[in-house]
Amino acid sequence: MAQSTTRLVRDGVSLQVVVDGDLAEGDLAGRDLGGGDVGGGDVGGGTAAGSPVVRPAVLVGGLLDGPEVWEPLVPLLSGERALVRISCRGCGDSSAATPSLTVSELAEDVLTVADALRIGTFDLVGVSMGGLVAQEVTLSAPERVASLGLVSSAPCLGENGRFVLRLVRDLVVADRIHEAVQFLAYAGLGPAFAERHPAEFGATVRAVERLPGIAADLVHLIEAMLPFDSRRRLGAITCPTAAVIAVDDLIFAAPCAESLLAYHPQAVLTRMAGGHCAFQSSPGIAAKALLDNWHLVRPPSIPWNK
């Protein structure tokens, strides 16, 4: 399977993008970025003449996530279509997050990448914070999103999530970055992981602490996430929607994630054991839910012209 890594630069914002597979001819019309630049890899490709056009899937990572967050799922999903993995600002090797950043701006970044790659309609999946971004993309550009998938995410943070993220933010502001990262890793990986794999847990904390600009990125991204609440707008989403919920998630707690059904009753929920990052250790459950959701959309490619 072909893979390319590139960076989209526009208006001073650099976004890390990894493409797994070849984008179909109908979805990739060219590489003119209309004012941006691509470097570090060829985002081109295409398919042989006469091959069917299949929608790509756009995958949006979560808080601090680089493209590697999707690695357990890539082999299970890439047989279906090309995957476009996007790291949000302040995450992976993308530009730093900025003060007053909003989820709406992060959603605009996703659409900027899709436009640059000449992707019309796409299946959209977001994990954790990326799920908030994916919801905003779907609400702001419904004609672009063929299906929506949410993994370890929810329509809002809820009390648990707000407590976790506010505490992390306050620790960072107090210059207690080690404690902040340790608490975030504990909430993300779960108490059981921290107790059973102390060496790996410690290595994860140290790796996150060493990320450039980690303190500012955490504060700006958390402040972007805290006010997000899509519940009253979910009724406008008409595309097939699937949510994969971890029952012991300490950030997007199951009751908060399940509130999706109250406002979007057509959504399909899949529950899995474990905490926030359970989809990485049990990728088959998440992959099946996403693939089933993709298969609800017919025809396989929907024309779109900007």
C-alpha atoms as a PDB file:
ATOM      1  CA  MET A   1       0.000   0.000   0.000  1.00  0.00           C
ATOM      2  CA  ALA A   2       1.364   3.374  -1.021  1.00  0.00           C
ATOM      3  CA  GLN A   3       1.855   5.966   1.704  1.00  0.00           C
ATOM      4  CA  SER A   4       2.914   9.597   1.478  1.00  0.00           C
ATOM      5  CA  THR A   5       3.473  12.299   4.066  1.00  0.00           C
ATOM      6  CA  THR A   6       3.058  15.961   3.268  1.00  0.00           C
ATOM      7  CA  ARG A   7       2.553  19.320   4.905  1.00  0.00           C
ATOM      8  CA  LEU A   8      -0.098  21.719   3.721  1.00  0.00           C
ATOM      9  CA  VAL A   9       0.896  25.340   4.280  1.00  0.00           C
ATOM     10  CA  ARG A  10      -1.669  28.090   3.891  1.00  0.00           C
ATOM     11  CA  ASP A  11      -2.068  31.427   5.662  1.00  0.00           C
ATOM     12  CA  GLY A  12       0.871  30.551   7.885  1.00  0.00           C
ATOM     13  CA  VAL A  13      -0.676  27.291   9.113  1.00  0.00           C
ATOM     14  CA  SER A  14       1.199  24.058   8.436  1.00  0.00           C
ATOM     15  CA  LEU A  15      -0.764  20.816   8.751  1.00  0.00           C
ATOM     16  CA  GLN A  16       0.718  17.336   8.811  1.00  0.00           C
ATOM     17  CA  VAL A  17      -1.140  15.019   6.418  1.00  0.00           C
ATOM     18  CA  VAL A  18      -0.512  11.333   5.733  1.00  0.00           C
ATOM     19  CA  VAL A  19      -2.211   9.641   2.773  1.00  0.00           C
ATOM     20  CA  ASP A  20      -2.496   5.857   2.818  1.00  0.00           C
ATOM     21  CA  GLY A  21      -3.249   4.436  -0.617  1.00  0.00           C
ATOM     22  CA  ASP A  22      -3.984   6.263  -3.857  1.00  0.00           C
ATOM     23  CA  LEU A  23      -6.616   8.936  -4.099  1.00  0.00           C
ATOM     24  CA  ALA A  24      -9.005   8.075  -6.918  1.00  0.00           C
ATOM     25  CA  GLU A  25      -8.946  10.194 -10.070  1.00  0.00           C
ATOM     26  CA  GLY A  26     -12.400  11.546  -9.394  1.00  0.00           C
ATOM     27  CA  ASP A  27     -11.364  12.737  -5.970  1.00  0.00           C
ATOM     28  CA  LEU A  28      -7.946  14.143  -6.821  1.00  0.00           C
ATOM     29  CA  ALA A  29      -8.109  16.509  -9.763  1.00  0.00           C
ATOM     30  CA  GLY A  30      -4.754  18.163  -9.231  1.00  0.00           C
ATOM     31  CA  ARG A  31      -2.256  19.561  -6.783  1.00  0.00           C
ATOM     32  CA  ASP A  32      -2.718  23.295  -7.206  1.00  0.00           C
ATOM     33  CA  LEU A  33      -3.217  24.480  -3.651  1.00  0.00           C
ATOM     34  CA  GLY A  34      -4.484  27.903  -4.572  1.00  0.00           C
ATOM     35  CA  GLY A  35      -1.946  29.824  -2.530  1.00  0.00           C
ATOM     36  CA  GLY A  36      -0.534  27.058  -0.382  1.00  0.00           C
ATOM     37  CA  ASP A  37       2.472  24.815  -0.660  1.00  0.00           C
ATOM     38  CA  VAL A  38       3.020  21.138  -0.227  1.00  0.00           C
ATOM     39  CA  GLY A  39       6.359  19.732   0.804  1.00  0.00           C
ATOM     40  CA  GLY A  40       7.869  16.578   2.159  1.00  0.00           C
ATOM     41  CA  GLY A  41       6.076  14.147  -0.089  1.00  0.00           C
ATOM     42  CA  ASP A  42       3.907  13.625  -3.127  1.00  0.00           C
ATOM     43  CA  VAL A  43       0.208  13.783  -2.376  1.00  0.00           C
ATOM     44  CA  GLY A  44      -0.620  12.812  -5.899  1.00  0.00           C
ATOM     45  CA  GLY A  45      -1.486   9.411  -7.125  1.00  0.00           C
ATOM     46  CA  GLY A  46      -4.678   8.450  -8.795  1.00  0.00           C
ATOM     47  CA  THR A  47      -5.827   5.152 -10.151  1.00  0.00           C
ATOM     48  CA  ALA A  48      -5.541   3.375 -13.431  1.00  0.00           C
ATOM     49  CA  ALA A  49      -7.876   4.502 -16.185  1.00  0.00           C
ATOM     50  CA  GLY A  50     -11.278   2.943 -15.846  1.00  0.00           C
ATOM     51  CA  SER A  51     -10.944   1.985 -12.195  1.00  0.00           C
ATOM     52  CA  PRO A  52     -13.918   2.843  -9.977  1.00  0.00           C
ATOM     53  CA  VAL A  53     -13.989   6.065  -8.003  1.00  0.00           C
ATOM     54  CA  VAL A  54     -14.281   5.415  -4.280  1.00  0.00           C
ATOM     55  CA  ARG A  55     -14.608   8.101  -1.635  1.00  0.00           C
ATOM     56  CA  PRO A  56     -11.532   8.575   0.510  1.00  0.00           C
ATOM     57  CA  ALA A  57     -11.874   8.595   4.278  1.00  0.00           C
ATOM     58  CA  VAL A  58     -10.579  11.618   6.173  1.00  0.00           C
ATOM     59  CA  LEU A  59      -9.354  10.787   9.688  1.00  0.00           C
ATOM     60  CA  VAL A  60      -8.922  13.624  12.215  1.00  0.00           C
ATOM     61  CA  GLY A  61      -6.702  12.990  15.230  1.00  0.00           C
ATOM     62  CA  GLY A  62      -7.307  14.099  18.788  1.00  0.00           C
ATOM     63  CA  LEU A  63      -5.511  16.193  21.394  1.00  0.00           C
ATOM     64  CA  LEU A  64      -1.740  16.176  20.648  1.00  0.00           C
ATOM     65  CA  ASP A  65      -2.203  13.198  18.279  1.00  0.00           C
ATOM     66  CA  GLY A  66       0.122  12.664  15.364  1.00  0.00           C
ATOM     67  CA  PRO A  67      -0.938  10.372  12.493  1.00  0.00           C
ATOM     68  CA  GLU A  68       0.365   7.344  14.387  1.00  0.00           C
ATOM     69  CA  VAL A  69      -2.758   7.348  16.583  1.00  0.00           C
ATOM     70  CA  TRP A  70      -4.536   5.618  13.681  1.00  0.00           C
ATOM     71  CA  GLU A  71      -1.889   2.931  13.064  1.00  0.00           C
ATOM     72  CA  PRO A  72      -3.877   0.038  14.626  1.00  0.00           C
ATOM     73  CA  LEU A  73      -6.854   0.875  12.393  1.00  0.00           C
ATOM     74  CA  VAL A  74      -5.042   1.604   9.122  1.00  0.00           C
ATOM     75  CA  PRO A  75      -4.594  -2.037   8.005  1.00  0.00           C
ATOM     76  CA  LEU A  76      -8.271  -2.711   8.715  1.00  0.00           C
ATOM     77  CA  LEU A  77      -9.625   0.352   6.903  1.00  0.00           C
ATOM     78  CA  SER A  78      -7.212   0.953   4.043  1.00  0.00           C
ATOM     79  CA  GLY A  79      -8.438  -2.006   2.007  1.00  0.00           C
ATOM     80  CA  GLU A  80     -11.675  -0.098   1.486  1.00  0.00           C
ATOM     81  CA  ARG A  81     -10.310   3.205   0.205  1.00  0.00           C
ATOM     82  CA  ALA A  82      -7.567   5.787   0.557  1.00  0.00           C
ATOM     83  CA  LEU A  83      -7.141   7.245   4.035  1.00  0.00           C
ATOM     84  CA  VAL A  84      -6.199  10.874   4.644  1.00  0.00           C
ATOM     85  CA  ARG A  85      -4.892  11.321   8.191  1.00  0.00           C
ATOM     86  CA  ILE A  86      -4.825  14.910   9.445  1.00  0.00           C
ATOM     87  CA  SER A  87      -3.121  16.217  12.585  1.00  0.00           C
ATOM     88  CA  CYS A  88      -4.835  19.313  13.954  1.00  0.00           C
ATOM     89  CA  ARG A  89      -2.944  22.470  14.886  1.00  0.00           C
ATOM     90  CA  GLY A  90      -0.910  21.885  18.003  1.00  0.00           C
ATOM     91  CA  CYS A  91      -0.835  18.142  17.279  1.00  0.00           C
ATOM     92  CA  GLY A  92       1.780  15.923  15.656  1.00  0.00           C
ATOM     93  CA  ASP A  93       4.022  17.962  13.380  1.00  0.00           C
ATOM     94  CA  SER A  94       1.375  20.569  12.550  1.00  0.00           C
ATOM     95  CA  SER A  95       1.703  24.246  13.452  1.00  0.00           C
ATOM     96  CA  ALA A  96       1.299  25.293  17.053  1.00  0.00           C
ATOM     97  CA  ALA A  97      -2.142  26.004  18.408  1.00  0.00           C
ATOM     98  CA  THR A  98      -2.902  29.697  18.800  1.00  0.00           C
ATOM     99  CA  PRO A  99      -4.690  31.707  21.494  1.00  0.00           C
ATOM    100  CA  SER A 100      -8.458  31.966  21.011  1.00  0.00           C
ATOM    101  CA  LEU A 101      -8.402  28.925  18.707  1.00  0.00           C
ATOM    102  CA  THR A 102     -11.865  27.417  18.141  1.00  0.00           C
ATOM    103  CA  VAL A 103     -13.184  24.051  17.023  1.00  0.00           C
ATOM    104  CA  SER A 104     -14.696  25.879  14.039  1.00  0.00           C
ATOM    105  CA  GLU A 105     -11.215  26.954  12.926  1.00  0.00           C
ATOM    106  CA  LEU A 106      -9.964  23.389  13.236  1.00  0.00           C
ATOM    107  CA  ALA A 107     -12.916  22.285  11.100  1.00  0.00           C
ATOM    108  CA  GLU A 108     -11.971  24.871   8.472  1.00  0.00           C
ATOM    109  CA  ASP A 109      -8.470  23.372   8.441  1.00  0.00           C
ATOM    110  CA  VAL A 110      -9.919  19.958   7.578  1.00  0.00           C
ATOM    111  CA  LEU A 111     -11.893  21.406   4.683  1.00  0.00           C
ATOM    112  CA  THR A 112      -8.775  23.280   3.535  1.00  0.00           C
ATOM    113  CA  VAL A 113      -6.919  19.962   3.300  1.00  0.00           C
ATOM    114  CA  ALA A 114      -9.811  18.368   1.415  1.00  0.00           C
ATOM    115  CA  ASP A 115      -9.923  21.296  -1.022  1.00  0.00           C
ATOM    116  CA  ALA A 116      -6.154  21.197  -1.532  1.00  0.00           C
ATOM    117  CA  LEU A 117      -6.295  17.487  -2.370  1.00  0.00           C
ATOM    118  CA  ARG A 118      -9.353  18.099  -4.577  1.00  0.00           C
ATOM    119  CA  ILE A 119     -11.416  15.737  -2.478  1.00  0.00           C
ATOM    120  CA  GLY A 120     -15.124  16.282  -3.010  1.00  0.00           C
ATOM    121  CA  THR A 121     -17.177  14.090  -0.697  1.00  0.00           C
ATOM    122  CA  PHE A 122     -15.526  11.920   1.898  1.00  0.00           C
ATOM    123  CA  ASP A 123     -16.235   9.663   4.834  1.00  0.00           C
ATOM    124  CA  LEU A 124     -15.184  11.544   7.953  1.00  0.00           C
ATOM    125  CA  VAL A 125     -13.909  10.028  11.200  1.00  0.00           C
ATOM    126  CA  GLY A 126     -12.681  11.848  14.283  1.00  0.00           C
ATOM    127  CA  VAL A 127     -11.138  10.464  17.449  1.00  0.00           C
ATOM    128  CA  SER A 128     -11.456  12.258  20.802  1.00  0.00           C
ATOM    129  CA  MET A 129     -11.010  16.007  20.111  1.00  0.00           C
ATOM    130  CA  GLY A 130     -11.029  15.104  16.423  1.00  0.00           C
ATOM    131  CA  GLY A 131     -14.604  13.918  16.935  1.00  0.00           C
ATOM    132  CA  LEU A 132     -15.617  17.435  17.937  1.00  0.00           C
ATOM    133  CA  VAL A 133     -13.887  18.755  14.828  1.00  0.00           C
ATOM    134  CA  ALA A 134     -15.584  16.123  12.649  1.00  0.00           C
ATOM    135  CA  GLN A 135     -18.998  17.118  13.981  1.00  0.00           C
ATOM    136  CA  GLU A 136     -18.299  20.765  13.184  1.00  0.00           C
ATOM    137  CA  VAL A 137     -17.155  19.886   9.651  1.00  0.00           C
ATOM    138  CA  THR A 138     -20.348  17.892   9.091  1.00  0.00           C
ATOM    139  CA  LEU A 139     -22.547  20.696  10.393  1.00  0.00           C
ATOM    140  CA  SER A 140     -20.773  23.433   8.424  1.00  0.00           C
ATOM    141  CA  ALA A 141     -20.379  21.539   5.123  1.00  0.00           C
ATOM    142  CA  PRO A 142     -22.974  18.713   5.076  1.00  0.00           C
ATOM    143  CA  GLU A 143     -22.706  18.349   1.294  1.00  0.00           C
ATOM    144  CA  ARG A 144     -19.104  17.214   1.686  1.00  0.00           C
ATOM    145  CA  VAL A 145     -19.537  14.512   4.337  1.00  0.00           C
ATOM    146  CA  ALA A 146     -20.940  11.177   3.152  1.00  0.00           C
ATOM    147  CA  SER A 147     -20.790   9.568   6.587  1.00  0.00           C
ATOM    148  CA  LEU A 148     -19.625  10.543  10.060  1.00  0.00           C
ATOM    149  CA  GLY A 149     -17.729   8.364  12.519  1.00  0.00           C
ATOM    150  CA  LEU A 150     -16.916   9.324  16.102  1.00  0.00           C
ATOM    151  CA  VAL A 151     -14.418   7.299  18.132  1.00  0.00           C
ATOM    152  CA  SER A 152     -14.015   7.933  21.871  1.00  0.00           C
ATOM    153  CA  SER A 153     -15.789  11.250  21.452  1.00  0.00           C
ATOM    154  CA  ALA A 154     -19.154  12.838  22.186  1.00  0.00           C
ATOM    155  CA  PRO A 155     -21.359  15.861  21.433  1.00  0.00           C
ATOM    156  CA  CYS A 156     -19.741  17.657  24.381  1.00  0.00           C
ATOM    157  CA  LEU A 157     -17.237  17.013  27.153  1.00  0.00           C
ATOM    158  CA  GLY A 158     -19.680  16.646  30.007  1.00  0.00           C
ATOM    159  CA  GLU A 159     -18.784  17.056  33.659  1.00  0.00           C
ATOM    160  CA  ASN A 160     -16.069  14.387  33.688  1.00  0.00           C
ATOM    161  CA  GLY A 161     -14.303  15.690  30.609  1.00  0.00           C
ATOM    162  CA  ARG A 162     -14.477  19.307  31.701  1.00  0.00           C
ATOM    163  CA  PHE A 163     -13.013  18.395  35.107  1.00  0.00           C
ATOM    164  CA  VAL A 164     -10.137  16.444  33.540  1.00  0.00           C
ATOM    165  CA  LEU A 165      -9.246  19.086  30.975  1.00  0.00           C
ATOM    166  CA  ARG A 166      -9.646  22.057  33.310  1.00  0.00           C
ATOM    167  CA  LEU A 167      -7.344  20.384  35.808  1.00  0.00           C
ATOM    168  CA  VAL A 168      -4.766  19.699  33.083  1.00  0.00           C
ATOM    169  CA  ARG A 169      -4.996  23.296  31.882  1.00  0.00           C
ATOM    170  CA  ASP A 170      -4.674  24.718  35.387  1.00  0.00           C
ATOM    171  CA  LEU A 171      -1.639  22.549  36.135  1.00  0.00           C
ATOM    172  CA  VAL A 172       0.029  23.714  32.917  1.00  0.00           C
ATOM    173  CA  VAL A 173      -0.701  27.355  33.721  1.00  0.00           C
ATOM    174  CA  ALA A 174       0.844  26.793  37.169  1.00  0.00           C
ATOM    175  CA  ASP A 175       3.970  25.485  35.396  1.00  0.00           C
ATOM    176  CA  ARG A 176       3.355  21.959  36.696  1.00  0.00           C
ATOM    177  CA  ILE A 177       3.679  20.390  33.267  1.00  0.00           C
ATOM    178  CA  HIS A 178       4.831  16.963  34.474  1.00  0.00           C
ATOM    179  CA  GLU A 179       1.773  16.573  36.684  1.00  0.00           C
ATOM    180  CA  ALA A 180      -0.468  17.841  33.894  1.00  0.00           C
ATOM    181  CA  VAL A 181       0.842  15.357  31.339  1.00  0.00           C
ATOM    182  CA  GLN A 182       0.826  12.533  33.862  1.00  0.00           C
ATOM    183  CA  PHE A 183      -2.820  13.189  34.732  1.00  0.00           C
ATOM    184  CA  LEU A 184      -3.793  13.470  31.057  1.00  0.00           C
ATOM    185  CA  ALA A 185      -2.025  10.181  30.274  1.00  0.00           C
ATOM    186  CA  TYR A 186      -3.711   8.549  33.260  1.00  0.00           C
ATOM    187  CA  ALA A 187      -7.126   9.675  32.014  1.00  0.00           C
ATOM    188  CA  GLY A 188      -6.370   8.732  28.421  1.00  0.00           C
ATOM    189  CA  LEU A 189      -4.688   5.356  28.902  1.00  0.00           C
ATOM    190  CA  GLY A 190      -6.690   4.422  31.971  1.00  0.00           C
ATOM    191  CA  PRO A 191      -5.806   3.418  35.537  1.00  0.00           C
ATOM    192  CA  ALA A 192      -5.395  -0.252  34.604  1.00  0.00           C
ATOM    193  CA  PHE A 193      -2.760   0.535  31.977  1.00  0.00           C
ATOM    194  CA  ALA A 194      -0.817   2.763  34.360  1.00  0.00           C
ATOM    195  CA  GLU A 195      -0.806   0.030  37.019  1.00  0.00           C
ATOM    196  CA  ARG A 196      -0.031  -2.933  34.739  1.00  0.00           C
ATOM    197  CA  HIS A 197       2.508  -1.222  32.475  1.00  0.00           C
ATOM    198  CA  PRO A 198       4.285   1.374  34.651  1.00  0.00           C
ATOM    199  CA  ALA A 199       7.403   1.499  32.460  1.00  0.00           C
ATOM    200  CA  GLU A 200       5.434   2.111  29.263  1.00  0.00           C
ATOM    201  CA  PHE A 201       3.200   4.611  31.043  1.00  0.00           C
ATOM    202  CA  GLY A 202       6.249   6.541  32.262  1.00  0.00           C
ATOM    203  CA  ALA A 203       7.804   6.482  28.788  1.00  0.00           C
ATOM    204  CA  THR A 204       4.590   7.891  27.316  1.00  0.00           C
ATOM    205  CA  VAL A 205       4.548  10.741  29.829  1.00  0.00           C
ATOM    206  CA  ARG A 206       8.189  11.601  29.147  1.00  0.00           C
ATOM    207  CA  ALA A 207       7.640  11.525  25.375  1.00  0.00           C
ATOM    208  CA  VAL A 208       4.691  13.921  25.619  1.00  0.00           C
ATOM    209  CA  GLU A 209       6.610  16.250  27.942  1.00  0.00           C
ATOM    210  CA  ARG A 210       9.343  16.576  25.331  1.00  0.00           C
ATOM    211  CA  LEU A 211       6.995  17.738  22.578  1.00  0.00           C
ATOM    212  CA  PRO A 212       7.895  21.272  21.404  1.00  0.00           C
ATOM    213  CA  GLY A 213       5.461  23.892  22.658  1.00  0.00           C
ATOM    214  CA  ILE A 214       3.513  21.327  24.663  1.00  0.00           C
ATOM    215  CA  ALA A 215       2.432  23.755  27.398  1.00  0.00           C
ATOM    216  CA  ALA A 216       0.940  26.387  25.111  1.00  0.00           C
ATOM    217  CA  ASP A 217      -0.617  23.797  22.794  1.00  0.00           C
ATOM    218  CA  LEU A 218      -2.356  22.057  25.675  1.00  0.00           C
ATOM    219  CA  VAL A 219      -3.796  25.294  27.031  1.00  0.00           C
ATOM    220  CA  HIS A 220      -5.020  26.596  23.663  1.00  0.00           C
ATOM    221  CA  LEU A 221      -6.516  23.273  22.532  1.00  0.00           C
ATOM    222  CA  ILE A 222      -8.224  22.634  25.849  1.00  0.00           C
ATOM    223  CA  GLU A 223      -9.742  26.117  25.831  1.00  0.00           C
ATOM    224  CA  ALA A 224     -11.007  25.441  22.308  1.00  0.00           C
ATOM    225  CA  MET A 225     -12.643  22.190  23.417  1.00  0.00           C
ATOM    226  CA  LEU A 226     -14.260  23.272  26.678  1.00  0.00           C
ATOM    227  CA  PRO A 227     -17.172  25.313  25.266  1.00  0.00           C
ATOM    228  CA  PHE A 228     -18.010  22.894  22.449  1.00  0.00           C
ATOM    229  CA  ASP A 229     -21.548  21.481  22.596  1.00  0.00           C
ATOM    230  CA  SER A 230     -23.244  20.250  19.432  1.00  0.00           C
ATOM    231  CA  ARG A 231     -26.272  18.602  21.012  1.00  0.00           C
ATOM    232  CA  ARG A 232     -28.831  21.185  19.945  1.00  0.00           C
ATOM    233  CA  ARG A 233     -27.472  21.119  16.377  1.00  0.00           C
ATOM    234  CA  LEU A 234     -27.183  17.369  15.860  1.00  0.00           C
ATOM    235  CA  GLY A 235     -30.654  17.173  14.330  1.00  0.00           C
ATOM    236  CA  ALA A 236     -29.227  18.852  11.226  1.00  0.00           C
ATOM    237  CA  ILE A 237     -26.929  15.888  10.555  1.00  0.00           C
ATOM    238  CA  THR A 238     -28.552  13.579   8.024  1.00  0.00           C
ATOM    239  CA  CYS A 239     -25.636  11.399   6.906  1.00  0.00           C
ATOM    240  CA  PRO A 240     -25.097   7.930   8.433  1.00  0.00           C
ATOM    241  CA  THR A 241     -23.427   8.361  11.807  1.00  0.00           C
ATOM    242  CA  ALA A 242     -21.593   5.811  13.934  1.00  0.00           C
ATOM    243  CA  ALA A 243     -20.125   6.334  17.391  1.00  0.00           C
ATOM    244  CA  VAL A 244     -17.717   3.972  19.138  1.00  0.00           C
ATOM    245  CA  ILE A 245     -17.926   4.460  22.895  1.00  0.00           C
ATOM    246  CA  ALA A 246     -15.500   3.183  25.530  1.00  0.00           C
ATOM    247  CA  VAL A 247     -17.528   2.351  28.612  1.00  0.00           C
ATOM    248  CA  ASP A 248     -14.784   3.382  31.059  1.00  0.00           C
ATOM    249  CA  ASP A 249     -13.703   6.535  29.228  1.00  0.00           C
ATOM    250  CA  LEU A 250     -12.620   9.179  31.758  1.00  0.00           C
ATOM    251  CA  ILE A 251     -12.597  12.044  29.245  1.00  0.00           C
ATOM    252  CA  PHE A 252     -15.682  11.458  27.108  1.00  0.00           C
ATOM    253  CA  ALA A 253     -17.718   9.474  29.626  1.00  0.00           C
ATOM    254  CA  ALA A 254     -20.183   6.935  28.240  1.00  0.00           C
ATOM    255  CA  PRO A 255     -23.342   8.761  29.450  1.00  0.00           C
ATOM    256  CA  CYS A 256     -22.164  11.931  27.715  1.00  0.00           C
ATOM    257  CA  ALA A 257     -21.324  10.042  24.521  1.00  0.00           C
ATOM    258  CA  GLU A 258     -24.672   8.260  24.622  1.00  0.00           C
ATOM    259  CA  SER A 259     -26.468  11.622  24.695  1.00  0.00           C
ATOM    260  CA  LEU A 260     -25.842  11.609  20.946  1.00  0.00           C
ATOM    261  CA  LEU A 261     -28.932   9.419  20.551  1.00  0.00           C
ATOM    262  CA  ALA A 262     -31.219  11.925  22.254  1.00  0.00           C
ATOM    263  CA  TYR A 263     -30.522  14.508  19.552  1.00  0.00           C
ATOM    264  CA  HIS A 264     -29.536  12.265  16.632  1.00  0.00           C
ATOM    265  CA  PRO A 265     -31.616   9.069  17.073  1.00  0.00           C
ATOM    266  CA  GLN A 266     -30.509   7.637  13.700  1.00  0.00           C
ATOM    267  CA  ALA A 267     -26.932   7.330  14.941  1.00  0.00           C
ATOM    268  CA  VAL A 268     -25.600   3.846  15.691  1.00  0.00           C
ATOM    269  CA  LEU A 269     -23.643   3.337  18.911  1.00  0.00           C
ATOM    270  CA  THR A 270     -21.068   0.611  19.470  1.00  0.00           C
ATOM    271  CA  ARG A 271     -19.888   0.098  23.029  1.00  0.00           C
ATOM    272  CA  MET A 272     -16.529  -1.443  23.827  1.00  0.00           C
ATOM    273  CA  ALA A 273     -14.751  -2.306  27.058  1.00  0.00           C
ATOM    274  CA  GLY A 274     -11.895  -0.149  28.236  1.00  0.00           C
ATOM    275  CA  GLY A 275     -10.956   3.486  28.511  1.00  0.00           C
ATOM    276  CA  HIS A 276     -10.389   6.406  26.192  1.00  0.00           C
ATOM    277  CA  CYS A 277      -7.725   4.690  24.057  1.00  0.00           C
ATOM    278  CA  ALA A 278      -9.433   1.270  23.954  1.00  0.00           C
ATOM    279  CA  PHE A 279      -9.866   1.506  20.172  1.00  0.00           C
ATOM    280  CA  GLN A 280      -6.099   1.094  19.801  1.00  0.00           C
ATOM    281  CA  SER A 281      -5.931  -2.171  21.736  1.00  0.00           C
ATOM    282  CA  SER A 282      -9.179  -3.510  20.210  1.00  0.00           C
ATOM    283  CA  PRO A 283      -9.155  -1.946  16.735  1.00  0.00           C
ATOM    284  CA  GLY A 284     -11.370  -4.613  15.197  1.00  0.00           C
ATOM    285  CA  ILE A 285     -14.442  -3.376  17.050  1.00  0.00           C
ATOM    286  CA  ALA A 286     -13.949   0.233  15.963  1.00  0.00           C
ATOM    287  CA  ALA A 287     -13.047  -0.763  12.394  1.00  0.00           C
ATOM    288  CA  LYS A 288     -16.188  -2.871  11.961  1.00  0.00           C
ATOM    289  CA  ALA A 289     -18.403  -0.029  13.201  1.00  0.00           C
ATOM    290  CA  LEU A 290     -16.776   2.418  10.773  1.00  0.00           C
ATOM    291  CA  LEU A 291     -16.856   0.034   7.810  1.00  0.00           C
ATOM    292  CA  ASP A 292     -20.522  -0.787   8.423  1.00  0.00           C
ATOM    293  CA  ASN A 293     -21.258   2.937   8.490  1.00  0.00           C
ATOM    294  CA  TRP A 294     -19.363   3.552   5.235  1.00  0.00           C
ATOM    295  CA  HIS A 295     -21.309   0.780   3.540  1.00  0.00           C
ATOM    296  CA  LEU A 296     -24.616   2.508   4.286  1.00  0.00           C
ATOM    297  CA  VAL A 297     -23.784   5.197   1.725  1.00  0.00           C
ATOM    298  CA  ARG A 298     -24.659   4.548  -1.906  1.00  0.00           C
ATOM    299  CA  PRO A 299     -23.501   5.239  -4.557  1.00  0.00           C
ATOM    300  CA  PRO A 300     -19.831   4.849  -3.539  1.00  0.00           C
ATOM    301  CA  SER A 301     -18.857   8.271  -4.899  1.00  0.00           C
ATOM    302  CA  ILE A 302     -20.882  11.482  -4.809  1.00  0.00           C
ATOM    303  CA  PRO A 303     -19.815  14.214  -7.248  1.00  0.00           C
ATOM    304  CA  TRP A 304     -19.002  17.596  -5.800  1.00  0.00           C
ATOM    305  CA  ASN A 305     -17.677  20.688  -7.520  1.00  0.00           C
ATOM    306  CA  LYS A 306     -16.339  23.670  -5.641  1.00  0.00           C
END
